[in-house]
Amino acid sequence: MNDKALRKDLIELLKGGQAHATLEEVLKDLKPELCNVRPQKGMHSVYEEIEHMRNAQEDILRYKIHTQSQL
């Protein structure tokens, strides 16, 4: 399996910058005590949003590994 393309895609995903701000840019002024606070009813806390991103990245990685192994 040639994992060059997988590695390139993974690096781009982790660095960000495609369509969204980087995690560092978004969190630079966040007060730690607000990480687990929901800003409004029905909205997610910063922690919940980051956990969602982590899960999504894991899904993407698993998908890429699976599709690469079938080539």
PDB file of N, CA and C in Angstrom:
ATOM      1  N   MET A   1       0.846  -1.191   0.000  1.00  0.00           N
ATOM      2  CA  MET A   1       0.000   0.000   0.000  1.00  0.00           C
ATOM      3  C   MET A   1       0.883   1.243   0.000  1.00  0.00           C
ATOM      4  N   ASN A   2       0.614   2.157  -0.917  1.00  0.00           N
ATOM      5  CA  ASN A   2       1.327   3.423  -0.958  1.00  0.00           C
ATOM      6  C   ASN A   2       0.583   4.406  -0.070  1.00  0.00           C
ATOM      7  N   ASP A   3       1.202   4.787   1.028  1.00  0.00           N
ATOM      8  CA  ASP A   3       0.507   5.660   1.975  1.00  0.00           C
ATOM      9  C   ASP A   3       0.889   7.131   1.829  1.00  0.00           C
ATOM     10  N   LYS A   4       1.553   7.488   0.732  1.00  0.00           N
ATOM     11  CA  LYS A   4       1.947   8.888   0.521  1.00  0.00           C
ATOM     12  C   LYS A   4       0.728   9.827   0.477  1.00  0.00           C
ATOM     13  N   ALA A   5      -0.284   9.441  -0.296  1.00  0.00           N
ATOM     14  CA  ALA A   5      -1.479  10.269  -0.431  1.00  0.00           C
ATOM     15  C   ALA A   5      -2.221  10.370   0.904  1.00  0.00           C
ATOM     16  N   LEU A   6      -2.295   9.267   1.626  1.00  0.00           N
ATOM     17  CA  LEU A   6      -2.944   9.262   2.937  1.00  0.00           C
ATOM     18  C   LEU A   6      -2.236  10.209   3.889  1.00  0.00           C
ATOM     19  N   ARG A   7      -0.922  10.135   3.925  1.00  0.00           N
ATOM     20  CA  ARG A   7      -0.148  11.006   4.810  1.00  0.00           C
ATOM     21  C   ARG A   7      -0.339  12.479   4.448  1.00  0.00           C
ATOM     22  N   LYS A   8      -0.319  12.782   3.146  1.00  0.00           N
ATOM     23  CA  LYS A   8      -0.506  14.159   2.685  1.00  0.00           C
ATOM     24  C   LYS A   8      -1.879  14.682   3.108  1.00  0.00           C
ATOM     25  N   ASP A   9      -2.920  13.888   2.865  1.00  0.00           N
ATOM     26  CA  ASP A   9      -4.274  14.295   3.243  1.00  0.00           C
ATOM     27  C   ASP A   9      -4.399  14.489   4.749  1.00  0.00           C
ATOM     28  N   LEU A  10      -3.827  13.575   5.507  1.00  0.00           N
ATOM     29  CA  LEU A  10      -3.905  13.656   6.965  1.00  0.00           C
ATOM     30  C   LEU A  10      -3.215  14.916   7.479  1.00  0.00           C
ATOM     31  N   ILE A  11      -2.056  15.224   6.956  1.00  0.00           N
ATOM     32  CA  ILE A  11      -1.336  16.435   7.369  1.00  0.00           C
ATOM     33  C   ILE A  11      -2.158  17.672   7.050  1.00  0.00           C
ATOM     34  N   GLU A  12      -2.746  17.726   5.855  1.00  0.00           N
ATOM     35  CA  GLU A  12      -3.570  18.879   5.485  1.00  0.00           C
ATOM     36  C   GLU A  12      -4.782  19.019   6.407  1.00  0.00           C
ATOM     37  N   LEU A  13      -5.412  17.888   6.740  1.00  0.00           N
ATOM     38  CA  LEU A  13      -6.564  17.934   7.641  1.00  0.00           C
ATOM     39  C   LEU A  13      -6.176  18.413   9.032  1.00  0.00           C
ATOM     40  N   LEU A  14      -5.042  17.937   9.526  1.00  0.00           N
ATOM     41  CA  LEU A  14      -4.623  18.302  10.876  1.00  0.00           C
ATOM     42  C   LEU A  14      -4.147  19.747  10.963  1.00  0.00           C
ATOM     43  N   LYS A  15      -3.552  20.239   9.904  1.00  0.00           N
ATOM     44  CA  LYS A  15      -3.079  21.632   9.900  1.00  0.00           C
ATOM     45  C   LYS A  15      -4.223  22.615   9.737  1.00  0.00           C
ATOM     46  N   GLY A  16      -5.280  22.189   9.078  1.00  0.00           N
ATOM     47  CA  GLY A  16      -6.425  23.069   8.859  1.00  0.00           C
ATOM     48  C   GLY A  16      -6.155  24.057   7.741  1.00  0.00           C
ATOM     49  N   GLY A  17      -7.024  25.062   7.650  1.00  0.00           N
ATOM     50  CA  GLY A  17      -6.830  26.097   6.664  1.00  0.00           C
ATOM     51  C   GLY A  17      -7.562  25.888   5.353  1.00  0.00           C
ATOM     52  N   GLN A  18      -8.201  24.735   5.170  1.00  0.00           N
ATOM     53  CA  GLN A  18      -8.918  24.536   3.913  1.00  0.00           C
ATOM     54  C   GLN A  18     -10.155  25.453   3.866  1.00  0.00           C
ATOM     55  N   ALA A  19     -11.089  25.218   4.718  1.00  0.00           N
ATOM     56  CA  ALA A  19     -12.324  26.000   4.704  1.00  0.00           C
ATOM     57  C   ALA A  19     -12.644  26.595   6.068  1.00  0.00           C
ATOM     58  N   HIS A  20     -11.817  26.334   7.058  1.00  0.00           N
ATOM     59  CA  HIS A  20     -12.118  26.750   8.420  1.00  0.00           C
ATOM     60  C   HIS A  20     -10.892  27.385   9.078  1.00  0.00           C
ATOM     61  N   ALA A  21     -11.138  28.113  10.125  1.00  0.00           N
ATOM     62  CA  ALA A  21     -10.045  28.660  10.928  1.00  0.00           C
ATOM     63  C   ALA A  21      -9.336  27.526  11.662  1.00  0.00           C
ATOM     64  N   THR A  22      -8.087  27.742  12.020  1.00  0.00           N
ATOM     65  CA  THR A  22      -7.369  26.714  12.774  1.00  0.00           C
ATOM     66  C   THR A  22      -7.889  26.683  14.206  1.00  0.00           C
ATOM     67  N   LEU A  23      -7.673  25.574  14.858  1.00  0.00           N
ATOM     68  CA  LEU A  23      -8.090  25.415  16.245  1.00  0.00           C
ATOM     69  C   LEU A  23      -7.403  26.454  17.128  1.00  0.00           C
ATOM     70  N   GLU A  24      -6.130  26.715  16.862  1.00  0.00           N
ATOM     71  CA  GLU A  24      -5.383  27.708  17.641  1.00  0.00           C
ATOM     72  C   GLU A  24      -6.008  29.094  17.522  1.00  0.00           C
ATOM     73  N   GLU A  25      -6.415  29.475  16.306  1.00  0.00           N
ATOM     74  CA  GLU A  25      -7.041  30.783  16.089  1.00  0.00           C
ATOM     75  C   GLU A  25      -8.356  30.900  16.858  1.00  0.00           C
ATOM     76  N   VAL A  26      -9.124  29.847  16.830  1.00  0.00           N
ATOM     77  CA  VAL A  26     -10.445  29.859  17.462  1.00  0.00           C
ATOM     78  C   VAL A  26     -10.341  29.897  18.984  1.00  0.00           C
ATOM     79  N   LEU A  27      -9.356  29.214  19.542  1.00  0.00           N
ATOM     80  CA  LEU A  27      -9.268  29.057  20.997  1.00  0.00           C
ATOM     81  C   LEU A  27      -8.337  30.047  21.693  1.00  0.00           C
ATOM     82  N   LYS A  28      -7.671  30.911  20.952  1.00  0.00           N
ATOM     83  CA  LYS A  28      -6.623  31.740  21.548  1.00  0.00           C
ATOM     84  C   LYS A  28      -7.106  32.627  22.695  1.00  0.00           C
ATOM     85  N   ASP A  29      -8.320  33.108  22.675  1.00  0.00           N
ATOM     86  CA  ASP A  29      -8.817  33.990  23.737  1.00  0.00           C
ATOM     87  C   ASP A  29      -9.829  33.316  24.665  1.00  0.00           C
ATOM     88  N   LEU A  30      -9.972  32.018  24.548  1.00  0.00           N
ATOM     89  CA  LEU A  30     -10.958  31.304  25.362  1.00  0.00           C
ATOM     90  C   LEU A  30     -10.476  31.148  26.800  1.00  0.00           C
ATOM     91  N   LYS A  31     -11.302  31.525  27.716  1.00  0.00           N
ATOM     92  CA  LYS A  31     -10.990  31.345  29.138  1.00  0.00           C
ATOM     93  C   LYS A  31     -11.264  29.883  29.508  1.00  0.00           C
ATOM     94  N   PRO A  32     -10.310  29.224  30.171  1.00  0.00           N
ATOM     95  CA  PRO A  32     -10.471  27.802  30.497  1.00  0.00           C
ATOM     96  C   PRO A  32     -11.775  27.468  31.223  1.00  0.00           C
ATOM     97  N   GLU A  33     -12.238  28.355  32.070  1.00  0.00           N
ATOM     98  CA  GLU A  33     -13.466  28.063  32.826  1.00  0.00           C
ATOM     99  C   GLU A  33     -14.716  28.024  31.940  1.00  0.00           C
ATOM    100  N   LEU A  34     -14.589  28.473  30.681  1.00  0.00           N
ATOM    101  CA  LEU A  34     -15.736  28.469  29.778  1.00  0.00           C
ATOM    102  C   LEU A  34     -15.761  27.267  28.836  1.00  0.00           C
ATOM    103  N   CYS A  35     -14.770  26.415  28.906  1.00  0.00           N
ATOM    104  CA  CYS A  35     -14.666  25.278  27.971  1.00  0.00           C
ATOM    105  C   CYS A  35     -15.866  24.344  28.017  1.00  0.00           C
ATOM    106  N   ASN A  36     -16.466  24.187  29.170  1.00  0.00           N
ATOM    107  CA  ASN A  36     -17.557  23.228  29.319  1.00  0.00           C
ATOM    108  C   ASN A  36     -18.907  23.913  29.515  1.00  0.00           C
ATOM    109  N   VAL A  37     -18.984  25.196  29.188  1.00  0.00           N
ATOM    110  CA  VAL A  37     -20.223  25.958  29.349  1.00  0.00           C
ATOM    111  C   VAL A  37     -20.930  26.059  28.005  1.00  0.00           C
ATOM    112  N   ARG A  38     -22.203  25.751  27.991  1.00  0.00           N
ATOM    113  CA  ARG A  38     -23.005  25.911  26.771  1.00  0.00           C
ATOM    114  C   ARG A  38     -23.472  27.372  26.690  1.00  0.00           C
ATOM    115  N   PRO A  39     -23.197  28.047  25.578  1.00  0.00           N
ATOM    116  CA  PRO A  39     -23.522  29.475  25.475  1.00  0.00           C
ATOM    117  C   PRO A  39     -25.018  29.768  25.469  1.00  0.00           C
ATOM    118  N   GLN A  40     -25.804  28.864  24.906  1.00  0.00           N
ATOM    119  CA  GLN A  40     -27.258  29.023  24.872  1.00  0.00           C
ATOM    120  C   GLN A  40     -27.881  27.631  24.889  1.00  0.00           C
ATOM    121  N   LYS A  41     -29.144  27.604  25.241  1.00  0.00           N
ATOM    122  CA  LYS A  41     -29.862  26.329  25.225  1.00  0.00           C
ATOM    123  C   LYS A  41     -29.830  25.755  23.807  1.00  0.00           C
ATOM    124  N   GLY A  42     -29.510  24.480  23.718  1.00  0.00           N
ATOM    125  CA  GLY A  42     -29.472  23.821  22.422  1.00  0.00           C
ATOM    126  C   GLY A  42     -28.140  23.924  21.697  1.00  0.00           C
ATOM    127  N   MET A  43     -27.219  24.698  22.246  1.00  0.00           N
ATOM    128  CA  MET A  43     -25.892  24.824  21.631  1.00  0.00           C
ATOM    129  C   MET A  43     -24.896  23.957  22.391  1.00  0.00           C
ATOM    130  N   HIS A  44     -23.768  23.667  21.766  1.00  0.00           N
ATOM    131  CA  HIS A  44     -22.752  22.815  22.375  1.00  0.00           C
ATOM    132  C   HIS A  44     -21.651  23.646  23.025  1.00  0.00           C
ATOM    133  N   SER A  45     -21.039  23.063  24.044  1.00  0.00           N
ATOM    134  CA  SER A  45     -19.886  23.702  24.673  1.00  0.00           C
ATOM    135  C   SER A  45     -18.672  23.559  23.755  1.00  0.00           C
ATOM    136  N   VAL A  46     -17.619  24.316  24.038  1.00  0.00           N
ATOM    137  CA  VAL A  46     -16.386  24.203  23.272  1.00  0.00           C
ATOM    138  C   VAL A  46     -15.854  22.773  23.364  1.00  0.00           C
ATOM    139  N   TYR A  47     -15.876  22.203  24.550  1.00  0.00           N
ATOM    140  CA  TYR A  47     -15.400  20.827  24.728  1.00  0.00           C
ATOM    141  C   TYR A  47     -16.188  19.860  23.829  1.00  0.00           C
ATOM    142  N   GLU A  48     -17.503  20.003  23.793  1.00  0.00           N
ATOM    143  CA  GLU A  48     -18.325  19.117  22.968  1.00  0.00           C
ATOM    144  C   GLU A  48     -18.009  19.282  21.485  1.00  0.00           C
ATOM    145  N   GLU A  49     -17.776  20.524  21.061  1.00  0.00           N
ATOM    146  CA  GLU A  49     -17.429  20.774  19.657  1.00  0.00           C
ATOM    147  C   GLU A  49     -16.086  20.146  19.305  1.00  0.00           C
ATOM    148  N   ILE A  50     -15.109  20.267  20.193  1.00  0.00           N
ATOM    149  CA  ILE A  50     -13.792  19.686  19.937  1.00  0.00           C
ATOM    150  C   ILE A  50     -13.884  18.164  19.904  1.00  0.00           C
ATOM    151  N   GLU A  51     -14.670  17.606  20.776  1.00  0.00           N
ATOM    152  CA  GLU A  51     -14.854  16.147  20.779  1.00  0.00           C
ATOM    153  C   GLU A  51     -15.509  15.695  19.474  1.00  0.00           C
ATOM    154  N   HIS A  52     -16.445  16.471  18.979  1.00  0.00           N
ATOM    155  CA  HIS A  52     -17.078  16.166  17.693  1.00  0.00           C
ATOM    156  C   HIS A  52     -16.030  16.193  16.571  1.00  0.00           C
ATOM    157  N   MET A  53     -15.169  17.190  16.571  1.00  0.00           N
ATOM    158  CA  MET A  53     -14.112  17.275  15.546  1.00  0.00           C
ATOM    159  C   MET A  53     -13.154  16.092  15.645  1.00  0.00           C
ATOM    160  N   ARG A  54     -12.808  15.714  16.868  1.00  0.00           N
ATOM    161  CA  ARG A  54     -11.905  14.581  17.063  1.00  0.00           C
ATOM    162  C   ARG A  54     -12.524  13.305  16.493  1.00  0.00           C
ATOM    163  N   ASN A  55     -13.800  13.090  16.788  1.00  0.00           N
ATOM    164  CA  ASN A  55     -14.495  11.907  16.268  1.00  0.00           C
ATOM    165  C   ASN A  55     -14.572  11.936  14.746  1.00  0.00           C
ATOM    166  N   ALA A  56     -14.847  13.105  14.187  1.00  0.00           N
ATOM    167  CA  ALA A  56     -14.935  13.229  12.729  1.00  0.00           C
ATOM    168  C   ALA A  56     -13.579  12.939  12.084  1.00  0.00           C
ATOM    169  N   GLN A  57     -12.508  13.459  12.672  1.00  0.00           N
ATOM    170  CA  GLN A  57     -11.178  13.199  12.123  1.00  0.00           C
ATOM    171  C   GLN A  57     -10.830  11.716  12.202  1.00  0.00           C
ATOM    172  N   GLU A  58     -11.222  11.076  13.283  1.00  0.00           N
ATOM    173  CA  GLU A  58     -10.974   9.637  13.406  1.00  0.00           C
ATOM    174  C   GLU A  58     -11.743   8.872  12.331  1.00  0.00           C
ATOM    175  N   ASP A  59     -12.991   9.273  12.080  1.00  0.00           N
ATOM    176  CA  ASP A  59     -13.786   8.625  11.031  1.00  0.00           C
ATOM    177  C   ASP A  59     -13.136   8.812   9.663  1.00  0.00           C
ATOM    178  N   ILE A  60     -12.660  10.018   9.389  1.00  0.00           N
ATOM    179  CA  ILE A  60     -12.006  10.302   8.112  1.00  0.00           C
ATOM    180  C   ILE A  60     -10.757   9.442   7.963  1.00  0.00           C
ATOM    181  N   LEU A  61      -9.963   9.374   9.021  1.00  0.00           N
ATOM    182  CA  LEU A  61      -8.746   8.576   8.981  1.00  0.00           C
ATOM    183  C   LEU A  61      -9.063   7.102   8.749  1.00  0.00           C
ATOM    184  N   ARG A  62     -10.035   6.578   9.456  1.00  0.00           N
ATOM    185  CA  ARG A  62     -10.410   5.168   9.271  1.00  0.00           C
ATOM    186  C   ARG A  62     -10.897   4.918   7.836  1.00  0.00           C
ATOM    187  N   TYR A  63     -11.677   5.854   7.301  1.00  0.00           N
ATOM    188  CA  TYR A  63     -12.176   5.726   5.927  1.00  0.00           C
ATOM    189  C   TYR A  63     -11.014   5.731   4.935  1.00  0.00           C
ATOM    190  N   LYS A  64     -10.087   6.668   5.121  1.00  0.00           N
ATOM    191  CA  LYS A  64      -8.953   6.770   4.201  1.00  0.00           C
ATOM    192  C   LYS A  64      -8.101   5.499   4.257  1.00  0.00           C
ATOM    193  N   ILE A  65      -7.859   4.996   5.460  1.00  0.00           N
ATOM    194  CA  ILE A  65      -7.070   3.775   5.597  1.00  0.00           C
ATOM    195  C   ILE A  65      -7.790   2.612   4.920  1.00  0.00           C
ATOM    196  N   HIS A  66      -9.099   2.537   5.116  1.00  0.00           N
ATOM    197  CA  HIS A  66      -9.879   1.457   4.523  1.00  0.00           C
ATOM    198  C   HIS A  66      -9.847   1.542   3.005  1.00  0.00           C
ATOM    199  N   THR A  67     -10.061   2.734   2.446  1.00  0.00           N
ATOM    200  CA  THR A  67     -10.093   2.857   0.990  1.00  0.00           C
ATOM    201  C   THR A  67      -8.709   2.665   0.384  1.00  0.00           C
ATOM    202  N   GLN A  68      -7.667   3.089   1.072  1.00  0.00           N
ATOM    203  CA  GLN A  68      -6.298   2.892   0.588  1.00  0.00           C
ATOM    204  C   GLN A  68      -5.939   1.405   0.574  1.00  0.00           C
ATOM    205  N   SER A  69      -6.414   0.657   1.550  1.00  0.00           N
ATOM    206  CA  SER A  69      -6.069  -0.758   1.626  1.00  0.00           C
ATOM    207  C   SER A  69      -6.755  -1.566   0.535  1.00  0.00           C
ATOM    208  N   GLN A  70      -7.783  -1.000  -0.077  1.00  0.00           N
ATOM    209  CA  GLN A  70      -8.496  -1.700  -1.141  1.00  0.00           C
ATOM    210  C   GLN A  70      -7.898  -1.445  -2.518  1.00  0.00           C
ATOM    211  N   LEU A  71      -6.924  -0.546  -2.589  1.00  0.00           N
ATOM    212  CA  LEU A  71      -6.311  -0.241  -3.894  1.00  0.00           C
ATOM    213  C   LEU A  71      -5.319  -1.297  -4.313  1.00  0.00           C
TER     214      LEU A  71
END
